[in-house]
């Protein structure tokens, strides 16, 4: 049975278990119809022109894990940002792990999507926010149809969340192949501030496919800092779709660090619904072997006097492949927009490749918009200078690549995250450098 057919039949099993009076029942039903009609995207779809899912979809994935597998904290501690106190929402093979988690309802809600979908006290938030900004493409619709579990975060107005929130998904290998579909809903109300770290980590060599969807609402004057650490093994693939709706004077930033995984596709969409909004999208990709990372971004400027900043750096070794498809859309009413987009790439190997397509669609006449991309190799003159000062070749290359990544790292606001990413970069480059970016 093809995976598409298996998923459609599995939804029928799921539907029998779920409450048909749930406010999301009709949404799920419509979503599975969309997926059944369209199936998984292929290279004929313009948005997936450079990314093929064929190698990922060939496995016979388990959709509903048959048993739970407990993890000991010491065995997975290294995957947490454990240097600081944080709230934690942890899932093991798609199931919530209370042992590894630290949630709260004291003034804020940091808890589970399953609770929010089923308990009456969350119904108003679900009805007003769930699936309101997620697109209706087939992959997102598939997640919507199966949406049961994930992180639910609601920060009421005038709250400064005292510590960051970590969302971590582990796959243990209990199944010969596993498909996970986490759904996150994050609502940050007026004048509130939150920092969130997200990670997907496979602990097995068995194939894992994660189709994750996150909806984020940054209401008036809210501040949202979101960090995605993608450093999985080469048997795990991730389709990560994040949708952010911003209201007047809000600030939202997403930093995406893509270092691991077999195939990673990041769909990141910002919608600016108000004036004086600031949106930041930054990323570092460092991959090798036959890894594939695809960044697909959209910033939609809808109203005047707003800014957006995109800066993506890529370093590609061996036979790895990168894709960057970044779109900035400026509506006619969005005068005084300031939009910046850059995608810079280094090919370390002759067999590595990058497909980059920066796009601007501007319908306003009083704007400052720029975009550009570069593809090249390390600066030979800089290498010669460093070698002549006694720096070994490997360390010289690493220093140049660290410097190349500096613009992205400089805007990371959590020192412990910056330190962790710096160590991962050094490890990826195969050197030990005793300084932070």
Protein backbone atom coordinates (compact mmCIF):
# COMPACT_ATOMS: atom_id res chain seq x y z
CA UNK A 1 0.00 0.00 0.00
CA UNK A 2 1.35 3.45 -0.90
CA UNK A 3 1.90 5.85 1.98
CA UNK A 4 -0.83 8.19 0.75
CA UNK A 5 -3.43 5.40 0.79
CA UNK A 6 -2.23 4.19 4.16
CA UNK A 7 -2.62 7.67 5.64
CA UNK A 8 -6.12 8.12 4.25
CA UNK A 9 -7.26 4.77 5.67
CA UNK A 10 -5.50 5.55 8.98
CA UNK A 11 -7.48 8.76 9.24
CA UNK A 12 -10.70 6.74 9.21
CA UNK A 13 -9.39 4.76 12.18
CA UNK A 14 -8.42 8.00 13.93
CA UNK A 15 -11.82 9.56 13.28
CA UNK A 16 -13.56 6.72 15.11
CA UNK A 17 -11.53 7.55 18.22
CA UNK A 18 -12.09 11.31 18.20
CA UNK A 19 -14.95 13.44 19.47
CA UNK A 20 -17.13 14.38 16.48
CA UNK A 21 -18.43 17.38 18.48
CA UNK A 22 -14.91 18.80 18.76
CA UNK A 23 -14.55 22.28 17.21
CA UNK A 24 -11.83 20.92 14.92
CA UNK A 25 -13.70 17.85 13.64
CA UNK A 26 -14.89 19.54 10.46
CA UNK A 27 -11.46 21.11 9.95
CA UNK A 28 -9.82 17.67 10.11
CA UNK A 29 -12.34 16.19 7.69
CA UNK A 30 -11.81 18.93 5.12
CA UNK A 31 -8.04 18.64 5.52
CA UNK A 32 -7.91 14.92 4.75
CA UNK A 33 -10.02 15.52 1.63
CA UNK A 34 -7.44 18.09 0.47
CA UNK A 35 -4.61 15.64 1.04
CA UNK A 36 -6.48 12.78 -0.63
CA UNK A 37 -7.10 14.96 -3.69
CA UNK A 38 -3.59 16.37 -4.02
CA UNK A 39 -1.31 13.77 -2.42
CA UNK A 40 2.30 14.53 -1.62
CA UNK A 41 3.94 17.29 -3.67
CA UNK A 42 6.30 16.37 -6.51
CA UNK A 43 8.87 18.17 -8.59
CA UNK A 44 6.15 19.37 -10.96
CA UNK A 45 4.95 21.61 -8.13
CA UNK A 46 6.85 24.89 -8.49
CA UNK A 47 7.42 25.21 -4.74
CA UNK A 48 8.99 21.71 -4.67
CA UNK A 49 10.92 21.94 -7.93
CA UNK A 50 14.30 21.26 -6.33
CA UNK A 51 13.21 18.91 -3.54
CA UNK A 52 12.01 15.38 -4.19
CA UNK A 53 10.29 13.38 -1.46
CA UNK A 54 10.57 10.05 -3.31
CA UNK A 55 13.43 8.67 -1.21
CA UNK A 56 11.61 9.65 1.98
CA UNK A 57 8.16 8.30 1.07
CA UNK A 58 9.28 4.79 0.10
CA UNK A 59 9.28 3.46 3.69
CA UNK A 60 6.34 1.72 5.36
CA UNK A 61 5.85 4.16 8.21
CA UNK A 62 3.92 3.38 11.34
CA UNK A 63 1.36 6.17 11.83
CA UNK A 64 0.24 5.18 15.34
CA UNK A 65 3.11 3.87 17.53
CA UNK A 66 2.11 0.60 19.16
CA UNK A 67 3.93 1.04 22.46
CA UNK A 68 5.49 3.76 24.56
CA UNK A 69 9.19 3.84 25.25
CA UNK A 70 10.45 5.65 28.34
CA UNK A 71 13.73 7.56 28.20
CA UNK A 72 16.14 8.34 31.01
CA UNK A 73 17.02 12.03 31.26
CA UNK A 74 20.76 11.36 31.46
CA UNK A 75 20.60 9.54 28.10
CA UNK A 76 19.07 12.53 26.32
CA UNK A 77 20.35 15.42 28.44
CA UNK A 78 22.78 16.52 25.70
CA UNK A 79 19.86 17.36 23.39
CA UNK A 80 18.43 19.90 25.84
CA UNK A 81 19.73 23.40 26.45
CA UNK A 82 20.49 22.30 30.00
CA UNK A 83 22.68 25.22 31.05
CA UNK A 84 19.63 27.30 31.98
CA UNK A 85 16.30 26.76 33.69
CA UNK A 86 13.52 26.27 31.13
CA UNK A 87 10.00 25.02 30.75
CA UNK A 88 10.00 21.78 28.77
CA UNK A 89 7.37 20.08 26.62
CA UNK A 90 8.82 16.71 25.61
CA UNK A 91 7.38 14.00 23.39
CA UNK A 92 8.69 10.47 22.89
CA UNK A 93 7.50 8.75 19.70
CA UNK A 94 4.68 11.29 19.53
CA UNK A 95 3.52 10.68 23.11
CA UNK A 96 3.84 13.25 25.89
CA UNK A 97 6.56 12.45 28.44
CA UNK A 98 5.57 13.90 31.83
CA UNK A 99 8.84 12.59 33.29
CA UNK A 100 11.01 14.70 30.98
CA UNK A 101 8.70 17.73 30.88
CA UNK A 102 8.11 20.79 33.03
CA UNK A 103 4.87 22.56 32.14
CA UNK A 104 2.91 25.29 33.90
CA UNK A 105 -0.50 26.96 34.24
CA UNK A 106 0.69 29.67 36.65
CA UNK A 107 -0.22 32.89 34.87
CA UNK A 108 0.59 31.34 31.47
CA UNK A 109 -0.30 28.09 29.73
CA UNK A 110 2.61 25.89 28.69
CA UNK A 111 0.99 22.54 28.11
CA UNK A 112 -0.36 20.06 25.56
CA UNK A 113 -2.26 20.46 22.33
CA UNK A 114 -4.32 17.37 23.21
CA UNK A 115 -5.61 19.17 26.32
CA UNK A 116 -6.36 22.35 24.41
CA UNK A 117 -8.29 20.46 21.73
CA UNK A 118 -10.44 18.57 24.23
CA UNK A 119 -11.00 20.76 27.30
CA UNK A 120 -13.79 23.38 27.29
CA UNK A 121 -11.68 26.09 28.97
CA UNK A 122 -9.41 26.28 25.90
CA UNK A 123 -12.23 26.21 23.37
CA UNK A 124 -12.31 29.97 22.71
CA UNK A 125 -8.61 30.08 21.86
CA UNK A 126 -8.90 27.01 19.62
CA UNK A 127 -11.90 28.44 17.78
CA UNK A 128 -10.20 31.81 17.25
CA UNK A 129 -6.70 30.63 16.34
CA UNK A 130 -6.42 26.97 15.35
CA UNK A 131 -5.77 26.49 11.62
CA UNK A 132 -6.51 30.14 10.85
CA UNK A 133 -3.14 30.96 9.22
CA UNK A 134 -1.84 27.53 8.21
CA UNK A 135 -2.03 27.15 4.44
CA UNK A 136 -4.22 24.54 2.77
CA UNK A 137 -1.42 22.84 0.81
CA UNK A 138 -1.42 19.05 0.91
CA UNK A 139 1.40 18.49 3.42
CA UNK A 140 0.06 21.04 5.90
CA UNK A 141 -3.45 19.64 5.41
CA UNK A 142 -2.15 16.16 6.21
CA UNK A 143 -0.83 17.45 9.54
CA UNK A 144 -4.12 19.24 10.22
CA UNK A 145 -6.08 16.04 9.62
CA UNK A 146 -3.94 14.13 12.13
CA UNK A 147 -3.47 16.98 14.62
CA UNK A 148 -3.76 15.48 18.10
CA UNK A 149 -0.63 16.30 20.03
CA UNK A 150 2.04 18.97 20.27
CA UNK A 151 2.76 22.11 22.26
CA UNK A 152 0.05 24.54 23.32
CA UNK A 153 1.41 27.85 24.59
CA UNK A 154 -0.75 30.83 25.53
CA UNK A 155 0.85 33.90 27.05
CA UNK A 156 -1.79 36.38 28.28
CA UNK A 157 -1.15 40.11 27.91
CA UNK A 158 1.54 41.98 29.84
CA UNK A 159 3.58 38.86 30.67
CA UNK A 160 7.36 38.50 30.43
CA UNK A 161 7.87 34.73 30.51
CA UNK A 162 10.55 34.20 33.15
CA UNK A 163 12.43 31.46 31.31
CA UNK A 164 12.61 29.99 27.80
CA UNK A 165 10.38 27.14 26.67
CA UNK A 166 11.86 24.04 25.04
CA UNK A 167 9.79 21.83 22.73
CA UNK A 168 11.58 18.55 22.00
CA UNK A 169 10.42 15.52 20.01
CA UNK A 170 12.33 12.23 20.36
CA UNK A 171 12.01 9.14 18.17
CA UNK A 172 13.34 5.96 19.82
CA UNK A 173 13.23 3.31 17.09
CA UNK A 174 10.48 1.19 18.61
CA UNK A 175 8.95 1.04 15.13
CA UNK A 176 10.83 -0.10 12.02
CA UNK A 177 9.80 3.23 10.46
CA UNK A 178 7.85 6.02 12.15
CA UNK A 179 5.90 9.06 10.94
CA UNK A 180 5.24 11.86 13.43
CA UNK A 181 2.87 14.80 12.93
CA UNK A 182 3.17 17.25 15.84
CA UNK A 183 0.97 20.36 15.83
CA UNK A 184 1.93 23.43 17.86
CA UNK A 185 -0.22 26.48 18.65
CA UNK A 186 1.43 29.52 20.23
CA UNK A 187 -0.57 32.65 21.10
CA UNK A 188 1.32 35.61 22.59
CA UNK A 189 -0.98 38.40 23.66
CA UNK A 190 -0.47 42.15 23.87
CA UNK A 191 2.83 43.41 25.41
CA UNK A 192 4.08 39.90 26.22
CA UNK A 193 7.48 38.33 25.50
CA UNK A 194 8.48 34.68 25.08
CA UNK A 195 11.55 32.72 23.92
CA UNK A 196 11.06 29.24 22.48
CA UNK A 197 13.51 26.53 21.39
CA UNK A 198 12.36 23.63 19.20
CA UNK A 199 14.19 20.42 18.36
CA UNK A 200 13.39 17.11 16.65
CA UNK A 201 15.81 14.30 17.50
CA UNK A 202 15.90 10.69 16.35
CA UNK A 203 17.75 8.24 18.61
CA UNK A 204 17.65 5.42 16.07
CA UNK A 205 18.87 4.40 12.63
CA UNK A 206 15.32 3.43 11.68
CA UNK A 207 13.71 5.86 9.23
CA UNK A 208 11.75 8.72 10.81
CA UNK A 209 9.63 11.25 8.92
CA UNK A 210 8.30 14.25 10.86
CA UNK A 211 5.65 16.50 9.34
CA UNK A 212 5.41 19.37 11.82
CA UNK A 213 3.13 22.43 11.73
CA UNK A 214 3.36 25.44 14.06
CA UNK A 215 1.04 28.43 14.17
CA UNK A 216 2.31 31.50 16.04
CA UNK A 217 0.26 34.62 16.82
CA UNK A 218 2.21 37.69 17.95
CA UNK A 219 -0.44 40.16 19.00
CA UNK A 220 -0.02 43.91 19.52
CA UNK A 221 3.46 44.83 20.79
CA UNK A 222 4.29 41.18 21.52
CA UNK A 223 7.86 39.86 21.18
CA UNK A 224 8.49 36.27 20.04
CA UNK A 225 12.00 34.79 19.71
CA UNK A 226 11.95 31.31 18.17
CA UNK A 227 14.96 29.05 17.68
CA UNK A 228 14.95 25.83 15.65
CA UNK A 229 17.88 23.46 16.19
CA UNK A 230 17.95 20.85 13.41
CA UNK A 231 20.86 18.50 13.98
CA UNK A 232 19.30 15.08 13.49
CA UNK A 233 20.94 11.89 12.20
CA UNK A 234 20.93 10.97 8.51
CA UNK A 235 18.02 8.52 8.84
CA UNK A 236 15.57 11.24 9.88
CA UNK A 237 13.70 13.64 7.60
CA UNK A 238 11.72 16.73 8.56
CA UNK A 239 9.07 18.84 6.87
CA UNK A 240 8.65 21.84 9.16
CA UNK A 241 5.94 24.41 8.36
CA UNK A 242 5.69 27.52 10.53
CA UNK A 243 3.12 30.29 10.10
CA UNK A 244 3.40 33.58 11.99
CA UNK A 245 0.69 36.23 12.16
CA UNK A 246 1.87 39.56 13.54
CA UNK A 247 -0.21 42.47 14.79
CA UNK A 248 0.70 46.13 15.23
CA UNK A 249 4.19 46.93 16.64
CA UNK A 250 5.05 43.29 17.30
CA UNK A 251 8.51 41.78 16.85
CA UNK A 252 8.96 38.18 15.76
CA UNK A 253 12.21 36.42 14.92
CA UNK A 254 12.94 32.86 13.82
CA UNK A 255 16.49 31.50 13.73
CA UNK A 256 16.83 28.15 11.95
CA UNK A 257 20.01 26.13 12.41
CA UNK A 258 20.08 23.23 9.94
CA UNK A 259 23.00 20.88 10.50
CA UNK A 260 21.60 17.36 10.26
CA UNK A 261 18.98 15.03 8.89
CA UNK A 262 18.57 13.24 5.58
CA UNK A 263 16.10 15.70 4.09
CA UNK A 264 14.93 18.92 5.75
CA UNK A 265 12.30 21.22 4.30
CA UNK A 266 11.55 24.46 6.18
CA UNK A 267 8.45 26.39 5.17
CA UNK A 268 8.45 29.71 7.05
CA UNK A 269 5.65 32.21 6.45
CA UNK A 270 5.24 35.65 8.04
CA UNK A 271 2.07 37.75 7.68
CA UNK A 272 2.28 41.38 8.82
CA UNK A 273 -1.19 42.58 9.79
CA UNK A 274 -0.53 46.00 11.31
CA UNK A 275 1.86 48.93 11.20
CA UNK A 276 5.40 49.19 12.62
CA UNK A 277 5.96 45.43 12.65
CA UNK A 278 9.43 43.90 12.61
CA UNK A 279 10.05 40.38 11.24
CA UNK A 280 13.41 38.60 11.33
CA UNK A 281 14.22 35.34 9.50
CA UNK A 282 17.77 34.07 9.83
CA UNK A 283 19.41 30.71 9.26
CA UNK A 284 22.67 28.79 9.08
CA UNK A 285 22.94 25.56 7.10
CA UNK A 286 26.05 23.37 7.30
CA UNK A 287 25.64 19.93 5.73
CA UNK A 288 27.65 17.22 3.96
CA UNK A 289 27.39 13.70 2.56
CA UNK A 290 24.10 13.49 0.62
CA UNK A 291 22.08 15.67 2.97
CA UNK A 292 19.45 18.01 1.57
CA UNK A 293 18.14 21.22 3.17
CA UNK A 294 15.46 23.40 1.58
CA UNK A 295 14.44 26.81 3.01
CA UNK A 296 11.20 28.19 1.59
CA UNK A 297 10.25 31.57 3.06
CA UNK A 298 7.51 34.16 2.61
CA UNK A 299 7.14 37.59 4.17
CA UNK A 300 3.84 39.26 3.27
CA UNK A 301 3.87 43.01 3.93
CA UNK A 302 0.21 43.99 4.14
CA UNK A 303 0.26 47.37 5.92
CA UNK A 304 2.61 50.43 5.93
CA UNK A 305 5.73 51.25 7.94
CA UNK A 306 6.99 47.72 8.55
CA UNK A 307 10.36 45.98 8.26
CA UNK A 308 11.59 42.49 7.47
CA UNK A 309 15.13 41.10 7.55
CA UNK A 310 16.12 37.78 5.98
CA UNK A 311 19.69 36.50 6.16
CA UNK A 312 20.48 32.85 5.32
CA UNK A 313 23.99 31.40 5.16
CA UNK A 314 24.81 28.00 3.73
CA UNK A 315 27.97 25.86 3.74
CA UNK A 316 27.73 22.72 1.60
CA UNK A 317 30.26 19.89 1.51
CA UNK A 318 30.54 16.48 -0.19
CA UNK A 319 27.44 15.76 -2.35
CA UNK A 320 25.00 17.80 -0.28
CA UNK A 321 22.29 19.97 -1.78
CA UNK A 322 20.82 23.26 -0.62
CA UNK A 323 17.72 25.12 -1.73
CA UNK A 324 16.66 28.66 -0.88
CA UNK A 325 13.39 30.05 -2.21
CA UNK A 326 12.66 33.34 -0.48
CA UNK A 327 9.71 35.56 -1.39
CA UNK A 328 8.91 39.07 -0.22
CA UNK A 329 5.41 40.27 -1.16
CA UNK A 330 4.61 43.97 -0.66
CA UNK A 331 0.95 44.94 -1.07
CA UNK A 332 -0.12 48.25 -2.60
CA UNK A 333 -1.12 49.64 0.82
CA UNK A 334 2.23 48.68 2.40
CA UNK A 335 4.02 51.98 1.77
CA UNK A 336 7.25 52.80 3.64
CA UNK A 337 8.15 49.11 3.78
CA UNK A 338 11.80 48.27 4.43
CA UNK A 339 12.55 44.70 3.34
CA UNK A 340 16.00 43.10 3.19
CA UNK A 341 16.79 39.60 1.94
CA UNK A 342 20.16 37.89 1.48
CA UNK A 343 21.23 34.32 0.79
CA UNK A 344 24.97 33.64 0.78
CA UNK A 345 26.47 30.21 0.15
CA UNK A 346 29.85 28.50 0.15
CA UNK A 347 30.41 25.29 -1.80
CA UNK A 348 33.25 23.40 -0.14
CA UNK A 349 33.06 20.52 -2.65
CA UNK A 350 32.76 20.39 -6.43
CA UNK A 351 29.91 17.88 -6.00
CA UNK A 352 27.84 20.08 -3.66
CA UNK A 353 25.11 22.24 -5.15
CA UNK A 354 22.76 25.07 -4.21
CA UNK A 355 19.59 26.23 -5.96
CA UNK A 356 18.67 29.75 -4.86
CA UNK A 357 15.74 31.88 -5.95
CA UNK A 358 15.21 35.19 -4.14
CA UNK A 359 11.96 36.90 -5.17
CA UNK A 360 10.44 40.35 -4.71
CA UNK A 361 6.86 41.19 -5.65
CA UNK A 362 6.26 44.88 -4.98
CA UNK A 363 2.96 46.66 -5.60
CA UNK A 364 3.78 49.77 -3.55
CA UNK A 365 5.87 52.67 -4.87
CA UNK A 366 7.45 54.12 -1.70
CA UNK A 367 9.54 51.25 -0.34
CA UNK A 368 13.13 50.19 0.32
CA UNK A 369 13.54 46.59 -0.75
CA UNK A 370 16.70 44.66 -1.61
CA UNK A 371 17.54 41.06 -2.28
CA UNK A 372 20.51 39.12 -3.46
CA UNK A 373 22.34 35.83 -3.37
CA UNK A 374 25.94 34.72 -3.70
CA UNK A 375 27.44 31.31 -4.40
CA UNK A 376 31.18 30.86 -4.14
CA UNK A 377 34.12 29.23 -2.42
CA UNK A 378 36.41 30.30 0.39
CA UNK A 379 38.49 33.42 -0.24
CA UNK A 380 41.90 32.15 -1.38
CA UNK A 381 43.66 35.40 -0.45
CA UNK A 382 42.27 35.22 3.09
CA UNK A 383 43.33 31.58 3.31
CA UNK A 384 46.84 32.48 2.15
CA UNK A 385 47.08 35.29 4.72
CA UNK A 386 46.03 33.00 7.58
CA UNK A 387 48.31 30.18 6.45
CA UNK A 388 51.23 32.62 6.26
CA UNK A 389 50.58 33.51 9.91
CA UNK A 390 51.03 29.87 10.92
CA UNK A 391 47.38 28.85 11.13
CA UNK A 392 46.89 25.26 9.86
CA UNK A 393 44.68 24.86 6.81
CA UNK A 394 41.81 23.10 8.61
CA UNK A 395 41.64 25.76 11.33
CA UNK A 396 41.96 28.57 8.77
CA UNK A 397 38.99 27.23 6.82
CA UNK A 398 37.00 26.91 10.03
CA UNK A 399 37.78 30.49 11.06
CA UNK A 400 36.61 31.81 7.70
CA UNK A 401 33.39 29.79 7.96
CA UNK A 402 32.81 31.02 11.50
CA UNK A 403 33.20 34.60 10.28
CA UNK A 404 30.85 33.84 7.39
CA UNK A 405 28.16 32.81 9.91
CA UNK A 406 28.64 35.78 12.24
CA UNK A 407 25.78 37.98 10.99
CA UNK A 408 23.26 35.29 11.86
CA UNK A 409 24.76 34.43 15.25
CA UNK A 410 24.98 38.07 16.36
CA UNK A 411 21.18 38.35 16.66
CA UNK A 412 20.75 35.28 18.90
CA UNK A 413 19.48 36.69 22.18
CA UNK A 414 19.98 33.66 24.46
CA UNK A 415 23.70 33.25 25.31
CA UNK A 416 23.34 29.54 26.05
CA UNK A 417 21.82 28.92 22.61
CA UNK A 418 24.62 30.89 20.97
CA UNK A 419 27.18 28.80 22.87
CA UNK A 420 25.48 25.54 21.89
CA UNK A 421 25.26 26.48 18.21
CA UNK A 422 28.89 27.61 18.20
CA UNK A 423 29.93 24.18 19.52
CA UNK A 424 27.80 22.39 16.91
CA UNK A 425 29.35 24.49 14.13
CA UNK A 426 32.86 23.75 15.39
CA UNK A 427 32.01 20.05 15.53
CA UNK A 428 30.58 20.12 12.00
CA UNK A 429 33.77 21.78 10.77
CA UNK A 430 35.91 19.29 12.68
CA UNK A 431 37.83 21.77 14.79
CA UNK A 432 37.98 23.02 18.37
CA UNK A 433 37.94 26.80 18.48
CA UNK A 434 38.10 28.43 21.87
CA UNK A 435 35.87 31.44 21.31
CA UNK A 436 32.24 32.37 20.76
CA UNK A 437 30.93 34.22 17.76
